[in-house]
Amino acid sequence: MDYYLYLYYVRNASVAEMIFRSLDIITIVVPAALPAAMTIGTVYSQSRLKKLKIFCISPPRINVCGKIKLACFDKYAPRHLI
């Protein structure tokens, strides 16, 4: 991005045009890198959970589980379901 700013500076472009073009480049790059960043974060989280002997069969659920504050279990629930 610095290279593009340098080119606009050399060509005597206005500051507004330089800012607009820089933001345009950012919007092109960010969506392409976002899925890769999310995947890297999920893989890292999964490896940390494995060290604690917590296994997840659905890695995309790790992002959702980060928001959970309380989990309740009822060991007699299957008996009450009719």
PDB file of N, CA and C in Angstrom:
ATOM      1  N   MET A   1       0.828  -1.182   0.000  1.00  0.00           N
ATOM      2  CA  MET A   1       0.000   0.000   0.000  1.00  0.00           C
ATOM      3  C   MET A   1       0.878   1.253   0.000  1.00  0.00           C
ATOM      4  N   ASP A   2       2.008   1.160   0.641  1.00  0.00           N
ATOM      5  CA  ASP A   2       2.922   2.303   0.649  1.00  0.00           C
ATOM      6  C   ASP A   2       3.370   2.659  -0.764  1.00  0.00           C
ATOM      7  N   TYR A   3       3.545   1.635  -1.566  1.00  0.00           N
ATOM      8  CA  TYR A   3       3.965   1.857  -2.948  1.00  0.00           C
ATOM      9  C   TYR A   3       2.908   2.656  -3.709  1.00  0.00           C
ATOM     10  N   TYR A   4       1.638   2.305  -3.496  1.00  0.00           N
ATOM     11  CA  TYR A   4       0.564   3.039  -4.171  1.00  0.00           C
ATOM     12  C   TYR A   4       0.512   4.494  -3.711  1.00  0.00           C
ATOM     13  N   LEU A   5       0.677   4.698  -2.416  1.00  0.00           N
ATOM     14  CA  LEU A   5       0.690   6.074  -1.912  1.00  0.00           C
ATOM     15  C   LEU A   5       1.855   6.857  -2.502  1.00  0.00           C
ATOM     16  N   TYR A   6       2.991   6.202  -2.624  1.00  0.00           N
ATOM     17  CA  TYR A   6       4.152   6.848  -3.229  1.00  0.00           C
ATOM     18  C   TYR A   6       3.867   7.232  -4.680  1.00  0.00           C
ATOM     19  N   LEU A   7       3.246   6.319  -5.426  1.00  0.00           N
ATOM     20  CA  LEU A   7       2.926   6.621  -6.827  1.00  0.00           C
ATOM     21  C   LEU A   7       1.967   7.803  -6.942  1.00  0.00           C
ATOM     22  N   TYR A   8       0.955   7.840  -6.085  1.00  0.00           N
ATOM     23  CA  TYR A   8       0.017   8.958  -6.130  1.00  0.00           C
ATOM     24  C   TYR A   8       0.707  10.261  -5.732  1.00  0.00           C
ATOM     25  N   TYR A   9       1.629  10.179  -4.775  1.00  0.00           N
ATOM     26  CA  TYR A   9       2.372  11.364  -4.360  1.00  0.00           C
ATOM     27  C   TYR A   9       3.236  11.888  -5.503  1.00  0.00           C
ATOM     28  N   VAL A  10       3.906  10.990  -6.192  1.00  0.00           N
ATOM     29  CA  VAL A  10       4.770  11.384  -7.315  1.00  0.00           C
ATOM     30  C   VAL A  10       3.943  12.012  -8.437  1.00  0.00           C
ATOM     31  N   ARG A  11       2.730  11.516  -8.619  1.00  0.00           N
ATOM     32  CA  ARG A  11       1.862  12.029  -9.691  1.00  0.00           C
ATOM     33  C   ARG A  11       1.054  13.247  -9.250  1.00  0.00           C
ATOM     34  N   ASN A  12       1.373  13.796  -8.083  1.00  0.00           N
ATOM     35  CA  ASN A  12       0.714  14.994  -7.547  1.00  0.00           C
ATOM     36  C   ASN A  12      -0.794  14.821  -7.375  1.00  0.00           C
ATOM     37  N   ALA A  13      -1.201  13.673  -6.889  1.00  0.00           N
ATOM     38  CA  ALA A  13      -2.618  13.441  -6.622  1.00  0.00           C
ATOM     39  C   ALA A  13      -3.007  14.158  -5.331  1.00  0.00           C
ATOM     40  N   SER A  14      -4.276  14.457  -5.207  1.00  0.00           N
ATOM     41  CA  SER A  14      -4.742  15.132  -3.994  1.00  0.00           C
ATOM     42  C   SER A  14      -4.745  14.142  -2.821  1.00  0.00           C
ATOM     43  N   VAL A  15      -4.716  14.694  -1.618  1.00  0.00           N
ATOM     44  CA  VAL A  15      -4.713  13.863  -0.414  1.00  0.00           C
ATOM     45  C   VAL A  15      -6.004  13.055  -0.328  1.00  0.00           C
ATOM     46  N   ALA A  16      -7.111  13.677  -0.697  1.00  0.00           N
ATOM     47  CA  ALA A  16      -8.394  12.979  -0.663  1.00  0.00           C
ATOM     48  C   ALA A  16      -8.382  11.770  -1.594  1.00  0.00           C
ATOM     49  N   GLU A  17      -7.813  11.933  -2.774  1.00  0.00           N
ATOM     50  CA  GLU A  17      -7.750  10.813  -3.716  1.00  0.00           C
ATOM     51  C   GLU A  17      -6.840   9.708  -3.185  1.00  0.00           C
ATOM     52  N   MET A  18      -5.729  10.088  -2.545  1.00  0.00           N
ATOM     53  CA  MET A  18      -4.830   9.079  -1.977  1.00  0.00           C
ATOM     54  C   MET A  18      -5.525   8.277  -0.880  1.00  0.00           C
ATOM     55  N   ILE A  19      -6.264   8.971  -0.022  1.00  0.00           N
ATOM     56  CA  ILE A  19      -6.984   8.285   1.058  1.00  0.00           C
ATOM     57  C   ILE A  19      -8.056   7.375   0.482  1.00  0.00           C
ATOM     58  N   PHE A  20      -8.807   7.873  -0.489  1.00  0.00           N
ATOM     59  CA  PHE A  20      -9.869   7.083  -1.100  1.00  0.00           C
ATOM     60  C   PHE A  20      -9.311   5.821  -1.749  1.00  0.00           C
ATOM     61  N   ARG A  21      -8.241   5.947  -2.489  1.00  0.00           N
ATOM     62  CA  ARG A  21      -7.636   4.789  -3.163  1.00  0.00           C
ATOM     63  C   ARG A  21      -7.043   3.804  -2.155  1.00  0.00           C
ATOM     64  N   SER A  22      -6.471   4.314  -1.071  1.00  0.00           N
ATOM     65  CA  SER A  22      -5.923   3.428  -0.043  1.00  0.00           C
ATOM     66  C   SER A  22      -7.028   2.614   0.617  1.00  0.00           C
ATOM     67  N   LEU A  23      -8.146   3.255   0.919  1.00  0.00           N
ATOM     68  CA  LEU A  23      -9.281   2.534   1.496  1.00  0.00           C
ATOM     69  C   LEU A  23      -9.845   1.526   0.511  1.00  0.00           C
ATOM     70  N   ASP A  24      -9.820   1.857  -0.760  1.00  0.00           N
ATOM     71  CA  ASP A  24     -10.281   0.932  -1.789  1.00  0.00           C
ATOM     72  C   ASP A  24      -9.420  -0.326  -1.805  1.00  0.00           C
ATOM     73  N   ILE A  25      -8.117  -0.160  -1.683  1.00  0.00           N
ATOM     74  CA  ILE A  25      -7.204  -1.308  -1.664  1.00  0.00           C
ATOM     75  C   ILE A  25      -7.448  -2.161  -0.422  1.00  0.00           C
ATOM     76  N   ILE A  26      -7.684  -1.521   0.713  1.00  0.00           N
ATOM     77  CA  ILE A  26      -7.933  -2.266   1.953  1.00  0.00           C
ATOM     78  C   ILE A  26      -9.195  -3.109   1.828  1.00  0.00           C
ATOM     79  N   THR A  27     -10.252  -2.563   1.232  1.00  0.00           N
ATOM     80  CA  THR A  27     -11.485  -3.334   1.090  1.00  0.00           C
ATOM     81  C   THR A  27     -11.324  -4.505   0.135  1.00  0.00           C
ATOM     82  N   ILE A  28     -10.372  -4.433  -0.754  1.00  0.00           N
ATOM     83  CA  ILE A  28     -10.116  -5.557  -1.654  1.00  0.00           C
ATOM     84  C   ILE A  28      -9.329  -6.646  -0.932  1.00  0.00           C
ATOM     85  N   VAL A  29      -8.381  -6.275  -0.098  1.00  0.00           N
ATOM     86  CA  VAL A  29      -7.489  -7.239   0.546  1.00  0.00           C
ATOM     87  C   VAL A  29      -8.134  -7.919   1.748  1.00  0.00           C
ATOM     88  N   VAL A  30      -8.865  -7.194   2.564  1.00  0.00           N
ATOM     89  CA  VAL A  30      -9.383  -7.736   3.818  1.00  0.00           C
ATOM     90  C   VAL A  30     -10.316  -8.924   3.619  1.00  0.00           C
ATOM     91  N   PRO A  31     -11.319  -8.889   2.749  1.00  0.00           N
ATOM     92  CA  PRO A  31     -12.186 -10.056   2.618  1.00  0.00           C
ATOM     93  C   PRO A  31     -11.446 -11.324   2.186  1.00  0.00           C
ATOM     94  N   ALA A  32     -10.383 -11.190   1.430  1.00  0.00           N
ATOM     95  CA  ALA A  32      -9.634 -12.368   1.003  1.00  0.00           C
ATOM     96  C   ALA A  32      -8.854 -12.979   2.159  1.00  0.00           C
ATOM     97  N   ALA A  33      -8.374 -12.178   3.074  1.00  0.00           N
ATOM     98  CA  ALA A  33      -7.560 -12.672   4.180  1.00  0.00           C
ATOM     99  C   ALA A  33      -8.392 -13.099   5.386  1.00  0.00           C
ATOM    100  N   LEU A  34      -9.625 -12.662   5.480  1.00  0.00           N
ATOM    101  CA  LEU A  34     -10.431 -12.945   6.660  1.00  0.00           C
ATOM    102  C   LEU A  34     -10.688 -14.435   6.882  1.00  0.00           C
ATOM    103  N   PRO A  35     -11.108 -15.210   5.889  1.00  0.00           N
ATOM    104  CA  PRO A  35     -11.312 -16.646   6.136  1.00  0.00           C
ATOM    105  C   PRO A  35     -10.036 -17.361   6.582  1.00  0.00           C
ATOM    106  N   ALA A  36      -8.911 -16.978   6.024  1.00  0.00           N
ATOM    107  CA  ALA A  36      -7.645 -17.598   6.429  1.00  0.00           C
ATOM    108  C   ALA A  36      -7.335 -17.276   7.886  1.00  0.00           C
ATOM    109  N   ALA A  37      -7.567 -16.044   8.298  1.00  0.00           N
ATOM    110  CA  ALA A  37      -7.313 -15.650   9.685  1.00  0.00           C
ATOM    111  C   ALA A  37      -8.244 -16.388  10.643  1.00  0.00           C
ATOM    112  N   MET A  38      -9.502 -16.540  10.265  1.00  0.00           N
ATOM    113  CA  MET A  38     -10.454 -17.271  11.103  1.00  0.00           C
ATOM    114  C   MET A  38     -10.050 -18.735  11.234  1.00  0.00           C
ATOM    115  N   THR A  39      -9.597 -19.334  10.143  1.00  0.00           N
ATOM    116  CA  THR A  39      -9.174 -20.734  10.170  1.00  0.00           C
ATOM    117  C   THR A  39      -7.953 -20.915  11.057  1.00  0.00           C
ATOM    118  N   ILE A  40      -7.001 -20.007  10.950  1.00  0.00           N
ATOM    119  CA  ILE A  40      -5.796 -20.087  11.785  1.00  0.00           C
ATOM    120  C   ILE A  40      -6.167 -19.976  13.263  1.00  0.00           C
ATOM    121  N   GLY A  41      -7.075 -19.067  13.587  1.00  0.00           N
ATOM    122  CA  GLY A  41      -7.516 -18.918  14.972  1.00  0.00           C
ATOM    123  C   GLY A  41      -8.217 -20.155  15.490  1.00  0.00           C
ATOM    124  N   THR A  42      -9.046 -20.771  14.662  1.00  0.00           N
ATOM    125  CA  THR A  42      -9.761 -21.980  15.063  1.00  0.00           C
ATOM    126  C   THR A  42      -8.799 -23.143  15.276  1.00  0.00           C
ATOM    127  N   VAL A  43      -7.836 -23.302  14.381  1.00  0.00           N
ATOM    128  CA  VAL A  43      -6.851 -24.386  14.517  1.00  0.00           C
ATOM    129  C   VAL A  43      -6.018 -24.190  15.782  1.00  0.00           C
ATOM    130  N   TYR A  44      -5.621 -22.964  16.052  1.00  0.00           N
ATOM    131  CA  TYR A  44      -4.848 -22.677  17.266  1.00  0.00           C
ATOM    132  C   TYR A  44      -5.677 -22.973  18.518  1.00  0.00           C
ATOM    133  N   SER A  45      -6.948 -22.572  18.501  1.00  0.00           N
ATOM    134  CA  SER A  45      -7.824 -22.838  19.643  1.00  0.00           C
ATOM    135  C   SER A  45      -8.012 -24.333  19.850  1.00  0.00           C
ATOM    136  N   GLN A  46      -8.162 -25.059  18.753  1.00  0.00           N
ATOM    137  CA  GLN A  46      -8.353 -26.500  18.848  1.00  0.00           C
ATOM    138  C   GLN A  46      -7.111 -27.182  19.433  1.00  0.00           C
ATOM    139  N   SER A  47      -5.936 -26.722  19.060  1.00  0.00           N
ATOM    140  CA  SER A  47      -4.716 -27.320  19.615  1.00  0.00           C
ATOM    141  C   SER A  47      -4.587 -27.017  21.108  1.00  0.00           C
ATOM    142  N   ARG A  48      -4.993 -25.830  21.523  1.00  0.00           N
ATOM    143  CA  ARG A  48      -4.955 -25.500  22.956  1.00  0.00           C
ATOM    144  C   ARG A  48      -5.951 -26.344  23.741  1.00  0.00           C
ATOM    145  N   LEU A  49      -7.131 -26.581  23.158  1.00  0.00           N
ATOM    146  CA  LEU A  49      -8.122 -27.420  23.832  1.00  0.00           C
ATOM    147  C   LEU A  49      -7.646 -28.866  23.929  1.00  0.00           C
ATOM    148  N   LYS A  50      -6.967 -29.363  22.895  1.00  0.00           N
ATOM    149  CA  LYS A  50      -6.452 -30.738  22.925  1.00  0.00           C
ATOM    150  C   LYS A  50      -5.447 -30.929  24.051  1.00  0.00           C
ATOM    151  N   LYS A  51      -4.635 -29.911  24.318  1.00  0.00           N
ATOM    152  CA  LYS A  51      -3.668 -30.004  25.412  1.00  0.00           C
ATOM    153  C   LYS A  51      -4.371 -30.164  26.758  1.00  0.00           C
ATOM    154  N   LEU A  52      -5.582 -29.630  26.862  1.00  0.00           N
ATOM    155  CA  LEU A  52      -6.376 -29.762  28.085  1.00  0.00           C
ATOM    156  C   LEU A  52      -7.276 -30.990  28.055  1.00  0.00           C
ATOM    157  N   LYS A  53      -7.076 -31.842  27.034  1.00  0.00           N
ATOM    158  CA  LYS A  53      -7.857 -33.067  26.825  1.00  0.00           C
ATOM    159  C   LYS A  53      -9.335 -32.768  26.613  1.00  0.00           C
ATOM    160  N   ILE A  54      -9.596 -31.692  25.887  1.00  0.00           N
ATOM    161  CA  ILE A  54     -10.954 -31.338  25.466  1.00  0.00           C
ATOM    162  C   ILE A  54     -10.990 -31.500  23.960  1.00  0.00           C
ATOM    163  N   PHE A  55     -11.854 -32.378  23.485  1.00  0.00           N
ATOM    164  CA  PHE A  55     -11.902 -32.679  22.057  1.00  0.00           C
ATOM    165  C   PHE A  55     -13.183 -32.123  21.452  1.00  0.00           C
ATOM    166  N   CYS A  56     -13.062 -31.543  20.297  1.00  0.00           N
ATOM    167  CA  CYS A  56     -14.197 -30.932  19.597  1.00  0.00           C
ATOM    168  C   CYS A  56     -14.339 -31.605  18.239  1.00  0.00           C
ATOM    169  N   ILE A  57     -15.529 -32.160  17.967  1.00  0.00           N
ATOM    170  CA  ILE A  57     -15.727 -32.837  16.687  1.00  0.00           C
ATOM    171  C   ILE A  57     -16.172 -31.872  15.592  1.00  0.00           C
ATOM    172  N   SER A  58     -16.509 -30.656  15.970  1.00  0.00           N
ATOM    173  CA  SER A  58     -16.923 -29.649  14.993  1.00  0.00           C
ATOM    174  C   SER A  58     -16.153 -28.352  15.256  1.00  0.00           C
ATOM    175  N   PRO A  59     -14.967 -28.193  14.655  1.00  0.00           N
ATOM    176  CA  PRO A  59     -14.138 -27.013  14.929  1.00  0.00           C
ATOM    177  C   PRO A  59     -14.820 -25.657  14.722  1.00  0.00           C
ATOM    178  N   PRO A  60     -15.733 -25.475  13.747  1.00  0.00           N
ATOM    179  CA  PRO A  60     -16.380 -24.155  13.644  1.00  0.00           C
ATOM    180  C   PRO A  60     -17.197 -23.772  14.881  1.00  0.00           C
ATOM    181  N   ARG A  61     -17.574 -24.758  15.686  1.00  0.00           N
ATOM    182  CA  ARG A  61     -18.346 -24.464  16.903  1.00  0.00           C
ATOM    183  C   ARG A  61     -17.482 -23.839  17.996  1.00  0.00           C
ATOM    184  N   ILE A  62     -16.168 -23.906  17.842  1.00  0.00           N
ATOM    185  CA  ILE A  62     -15.274 -23.331  18.852  1.00  0.00           C
ATOM    186  C   ILE A  62     -15.525 -21.830  18.979  1.00  0.00           C
ATOM    187  N   ASN A  63     -15.772 -21.144  17.871  1.00  0.00           N
ATOM    188  CA  ASN A  63     -16.043 -19.700  17.911  1.00  0.00           C
ATOM    189  C   ASN A  63     -17.315 -19.402  18.685  1.00  0.00           C
ATOM    190  N   VAL A  64     -18.335 -20.242  18.526  1.00  0.00           N
ATOM    191  CA  VAL A  64     -19.602 -20.041  19.228  1.00  0.00           C
ATOM    192  C   VAL A  64     -19.418 -20.316  20.715  1.00  0.00           C
ATOM    193  N   CYS A  65     -18.664 -21.345  21.045  1.00  0.00           N
ATOM    194  CA  CYS A  65     -18.482 -21.734  22.446  1.00  0.00           C
ATOM    195  C   CYS A  65     -17.730 -20.687  23.254  1.00  0.00           C
ATOM    196  N   GLY A  66     -17.026 -19.811  22.605  1.00  0.00           N
ATOM    197  CA  GLY A  66     -16.335 -18.752  23.322  1.00  0.00           C
ATOM    198  C   GLY A  66     -17.287 -17.782  24.005  1.00  0.00           C
ATOM    199  N   LYS A  67     -18.538 -17.757  23.590  1.00  0.00           N
ATOM    200  CA  LYS A  67     -19.533 -16.851  24.170  1.00  0.00           C
ATOM    201  C   LYS A  67     -20.331 -17.491  25.303  1.00  0.00           C
ATOM    202  N   ILE A  68     -20.215 -18.795  25.492  1.00  0.00           N
ATOM    203  CA  ILE A  68     -21.014 -19.504  26.497  1.00  0.00           C
ATOM    204  C   ILE A  68     -20.516 -19.159  27.893  1.00  0.00           C
ATOM    205  N   LYS A  69     -21.439 -18.795  28.764  1.00  0.00           N
ATOM    206  CA  LYS A  69     -21.107 -18.459  30.152  1.00  0.00           C
ATOM    207  C   LYS A  69     -21.489 -19.583  31.119  1.00  0.00           C
ATOM    208  N   LEU A  70     -22.516 -20.386  30.763  1.00  0.00           N
ATOM    209  CA  LEU A  70     -23.020 -21.401  31.671  1.00  0.00           C
ATOM    210  C   LEU A  70     -23.526 -22.587  30.870  1.00  0.00           C
ATOM    211  N   ALA A  71     -23.211 -23.783  31.313  1.00  0.00           N
ATOM    212  CA  ALA A  71     -23.711 -25.005  30.679  1.00  0.00           C
ATOM    213  C   ALA A  71     -24.329 -25.873  31.764  1.00  0.00           C
ATOM    214  N   CYS A  72     -25.560 -26.318  31.546  1.00  0.00           N
ATOM    215  CA  CYS A  72     -26.267 -27.152  32.518  1.00  0.00           C
ATOM    216  C   CYS A  72     -26.534 -28.519  31.909  1.00  0.00           C
ATOM    217  N   PHE A  73     -26.337 -29.559  32.700  1.00  0.00           N
ATOM    218  CA  PHE A  73     -26.573 -30.922  32.242  1.00  0.00           C
ATOM    219  C   PHE A  73     -27.536 -31.599  33.203  1.00  0.00           C
ATOM    220  N   ASP A  74     -28.439 -32.396  32.661  1.00  0.00           N
ATOM    221  CA  ASP A  74     -29.390 -33.154  33.456  1.00  0.00           C
ATOM    222  C   ASP A  74     -29.203 -34.620  33.095  1.00  0.00           C
ATOM    223  N   LYS A  75     -28.654 -35.399  34.017  1.00  0.00           N
ATOM    224  CA  LYS A  75     -28.365 -36.786  33.667  1.00  0.00           C
ATOM    225  C   LYS A  75     -29.633 -37.629  33.563  1.00  0.00           C
ATOM    226  N   TYR A  76     -30.767 -37.137  34.042  1.00  0.00           N
ATOM    227  CA  TYR A  76     -32.015 -37.889  33.962  1.00  0.00           C
ATOM    228  C   TYR A  76     -32.900 -37.446  32.808  1.00  0.00           C
ATOM    229  N   ALA A  77     -32.455 -36.531  31.983  1.00  0.00           N
ATOM    230  CA  ALA A  77     -33.291 -35.992  30.903  1.00  0.00           C
ATOM    231  C   ALA A  77     -33.816 -37.060  29.954  1.00  0.00           C
ATOM    232  N   PRO A  78     -33.029 -38.032  29.511  1.00  0.00           N
ATOM    233  CA  PRO A  78     -33.574 -39.021  28.572  1.00  0.00           C
ATOM    234  C   PRO A  78     -34.730 -39.823  29.158  1.00  0.00           C
ATOM    235  N   ARG A  79     -34.731 -40.039  30.468  1.00  0.00           N
ATOM    236  CA  ARG A  79     -35.797 -40.808  31.095  1.00  0.00           C
ATOM    237  C   ARG A  79     -37.117 -40.035  31.075  1.00  0.00           C
ATOM    238  N   HIS A  80     -37.059 -38.712  31.145  1.00  0.00           N
ATOM    239  CA  HIS A  80     -38.270 -37.902  31.197  1.00  0.00           C
ATOM    240  C   HIS A  80     -38.847 -37.603  29.824  1.00  0.00           C
ATOM    241  N   LEU A  81     -38.094 -37.868  28.780  1.00  0.00           N
ATOM    242  CA  LEU A  81     -38.599 -37.616  27.434  1.00  0.00           C
ATOM    243  C   LEU A  81     -39.492 -38.768  27.006  1.00  0.00           C
ATOM    244  N   ILE A  82     -40.748 -38.472  26.751  1.00  0.00           N
ATOM    245  CA  ILE A  82     -41.702 -39.511  26.331  1.00  0.00           C
ATOM    246  C   ILE A  82     -42.306 -39.139  24.999  1.00  0.00           C
TER     247      ILE A  82
END
